Amino acid sequence: MIEKMNNYLANLKIGQKGIIMEIKGGKGLLQRLYSLGIIPGLPFQVENTSFGPVVIKVSSAKVALGRGVASKIMVKTISEQMP
């Protein structure tokens, strides 16, 4: 497993995996995302980034986020290599 530099969730492509590192937002946004299970330190996988919201799978749940919100979530991407 190789970790790459930090990036924003809105910039990732379908199938990419990562870890949520930081949420750059106010108290209201933080509370909303925490209630959806989007918490720093958790792994996720991008399910859809085409038109409309960014859909991620986190903790066995799929969550759709608007692009504005996704652009406030700092992530570290992970790529898995074959041994």
C-alpha atoms as a PDB file:
ATOM      1  CA  MET A   1       0.000   0.000   0.000  1.00  0.00           C
ATOM      2  CA  ILE A   2       1.359   3.407  -0.979  1.00  0.00           C
ATOM      3  CA  GLU A   3       0.029   6.672   0.437  1.00  0.00           C
ATOM      4  CA  LYS A   4       0.147   9.755  -1.731  1.00  0.00           C
ATOM      5  CA  MET A   5       0.046  13.471  -1.052  1.00  0.00           C
ATOM      6  CA  ASN A   6      -3.007  15.188   0.329  1.00  0.00           C
ATOM      7  CA  ASN A   7      -5.688  16.178  -2.145  1.00  0.00           C
ATOM      8  CA  TYR A   8      -9.287  17.338  -2.032  1.00  0.00           C
ATOM      9  CA  LEU A   9     -12.102  14.818  -2.321  1.00  0.00           C
ATOM     10  CA  ALA A  10     -13.627  16.747  -5.238  1.00  0.00           C
ATOM     11  CA  ASN A  11     -10.478  16.068  -7.322  1.00  0.00           C
ATOM     12  CA  LEU A  12     -10.499  12.263  -7.044  1.00  0.00           C
ATOM     13  CA  LYS A  13     -11.666   9.781  -9.683  1.00  0.00           C
ATOM     14  CA  ILE A  14     -14.021   6.822  -9.515  1.00  0.00           C
ATOM     15  CA  GLY A  15     -12.456   3.861  -7.729  1.00  0.00           C
ATOM     16  CA  GLN A  16      -9.792   5.818  -5.870  1.00  0.00           C
ATOM     17  CA  LYS A  17      -9.363   4.997  -2.191  1.00  0.00           C
ATOM     18  CA  GLY A  18      -8.153   7.223   0.570  1.00  0.00           C
ATOM     19  CA  ILE A  19      -8.325   8.386   4.143  1.00  0.00           C
ATOM     20  CA  ILE A  20     -10.180  11.491   5.285  1.00  0.00           C
ATOM     21  CA  MET A  21      -7.536  13.803   6.752  1.00  0.00           C
ATOM     22  CA  GLU A  22      -9.205  17.150   7.496  1.00  0.00           C
ATOM     23  CA  ILE A  23     -12.461  19.015   6.943  1.00  0.00           C
ATOM     24  CA  LYS A  24     -12.051  22.720   6.235  1.00  0.00           C
ATOM     25  CA  GLY A  25     -15.381  24.151   7.297  1.00  0.00           C
ATOM     26  CA  GLY A  26     -17.352  25.719  10.084  1.00  0.00           C
ATOM     27  CA  LYS A  27     -19.080  24.109  13.019  1.00  0.00           C
ATOM     28  CA  GLY A  28     -22.301  23.453  11.086  1.00  0.00           C
ATOM     29  CA  LEU A  29     -20.538  21.645   8.241  1.00  0.00           C
ATOM     30  CA  LEU A  30     -18.460  19.596  10.656  1.00  0.00           C
ATOM     31  CA  GLN A  31     -21.546  18.499  12.608  1.00  0.00           C
ATOM     32  CA  ARG A  32     -23.389  17.578   9.406  1.00  0.00           C
ATOM     33  CA  LEU A  33     -20.512  15.520   8.025  1.00  0.00           C
ATOM     34  CA  TYR A  34     -19.863  13.807  11.348  1.00  0.00           C
ATOM     35  CA  SER A  35     -23.534  12.803  11.508  1.00  0.00           C
ATOM     36  CA  LEU A  36     -23.123  11.219   8.060  1.00  0.00           C
ATOM     37  CA  GLY A  37     -20.101   9.233   9.281  1.00  0.00           C
ATOM     38  CA  ILE A  38     -17.500  11.361   7.502  1.00  0.00           C
ATOM     39  CA  ILE A  39     -14.848  11.669  10.174  1.00  0.00           C
ATOM     40  CA  PRO A  40     -11.096  12.307   9.846  1.00  0.00           C
ATOM     41  CA  GLY A  41      -9.095   9.081   9.936  1.00  0.00           C
ATOM     42  CA  LEU A  42     -11.700   6.907   8.225  1.00  0.00           C
ATOM     43  CA  PRO A  43     -10.972   5.152   4.921  1.00  0.00           C
ATOM     44  CA  PHE A  44     -13.294   5.612   1.934  1.00  0.00           C
ATOM     45  CA  GLN A  45     -13.676   4.767  -1.742  1.00  0.00           C
ATOM     46  CA  VAL A  46     -15.006   7.052  -4.475  1.00  0.00           C
ATOM     47  CA  GLU A  47     -18.089   5.497  -6.107  1.00  0.00           C
ATOM     48  CA  ASN A  48     -19.118   8.245  -8.529  1.00  0.00           C
ATOM     49  CA  THR A  49     -17.808  11.633  -9.610  1.00  0.00           C
ATOM     50  CA  SER A  50     -19.681  12.151 -12.869  1.00  0.00           C
ATOM     51  CA  PHE A  51     -22.383  14.761 -13.123  1.00  0.00           C
ATOM     52  CA  GLY A  52     -23.849  15.932  -9.857  1.00  0.00           C
ATOM     53  CA  PRO A  53     -22.634  15.003  -6.406  1.00  0.00           C
ATOM     54  CA  VAL A  54     -19.514  13.090  -5.416  1.00  0.00           C
ATOM     55  CA  VAL A  55     -20.564   9.700  -4.017  1.00  0.00           C
ATOM     56  CA  ILE A  56     -18.259   7.902  -1.603  1.00  0.00           C
ATOM     57  CA  LYS A  57     -18.492   4.653   0.306  1.00  0.00           C
ATOM     58  CA  VAL A  58     -17.451   5.093   3.911  1.00  0.00           C
ATOM     59  CA  SER A  59     -18.026   2.520   6.675  1.00  0.00           C
ATOM     60  CA  SER A  60     -20.327   0.387   4.450  1.00  0.00           C
ATOM     61  CA  ALA A  61     -22.603   3.377   3.682  1.00  0.00           C
ATOM     62  CA  LYS A  62     -22.777   5.408   0.484  1.00  0.00           C
ATOM     63  CA  VAL A  63     -22.856   9.171   0.971  1.00  0.00           C
ATOM     64  CA  ALA A  64     -23.516  11.798  -1.716  1.00  0.00           C
ATOM     65  CA  LEU A  65     -21.813  15.166  -1.240  1.00  0.00           C
ATOM     66  CA  GLY A  66     -22.123  18.325  -3.296  1.00  0.00           C
ATOM     67  CA  ARG A  67     -18.944  19.407  -5.057  1.00  0.00           C
ATOM     68  CA  GLY A  68     -18.635  22.483  -2.848  1.00  0.00           C
ATOM     69  CA  VAL A  69     -18.617  20.331   0.281  1.00  0.00           C
ATOM     70  CA  ALA A  70     -16.295  17.760  -1.345  1.00  0.00           C
ATOM     71  CA  SER A  71     -13.831  20.559  -2.109  1.00  0.00           C
ATOM     72  CA  LYS A  72     -13.536  21.244   1.645  1.00  0.00           C
ATOM     73  CA  ILE A  73     -12.544  17.688   2.553  1.00  0.00           C
ATOM     74  CA  MET A  74      -8.792  17.063   2.526  1.00  0.00           C
ATOM     75  CA  VAL A  75      -7.881  13.419   1.877  1.00  0.00           C
ATOM     76  CA  LYS A  76      -4.797  11.257   1.478  1.00  0.00           C
ATOM     77  CA  THR A  77      -5.108   8.862  -1.460  1.00  0.00           C
ATOM     78  CA  ILE A  78      -4.026   5.253  -1.182  1.00  0.00           C
ATOM     79  CA  SER A  79      -3.001   3.015  -4.050  1.00  0.00           C
ATOM     80  CA  GLU A  80      -2.672  -0.700  -3.523  1.00  0.00           C
ATOM     81  CA  GLN A  81       0.172  -2.519  -5.206  1.00  0.00           C
ATOM     82  CA  MET A  82       0.408  -6.188  -5.965  1.00  0.00           C
ATOM     83  CA  PRO A  83       3.067  -7.952  -3.838  1.00  0.00           C
END
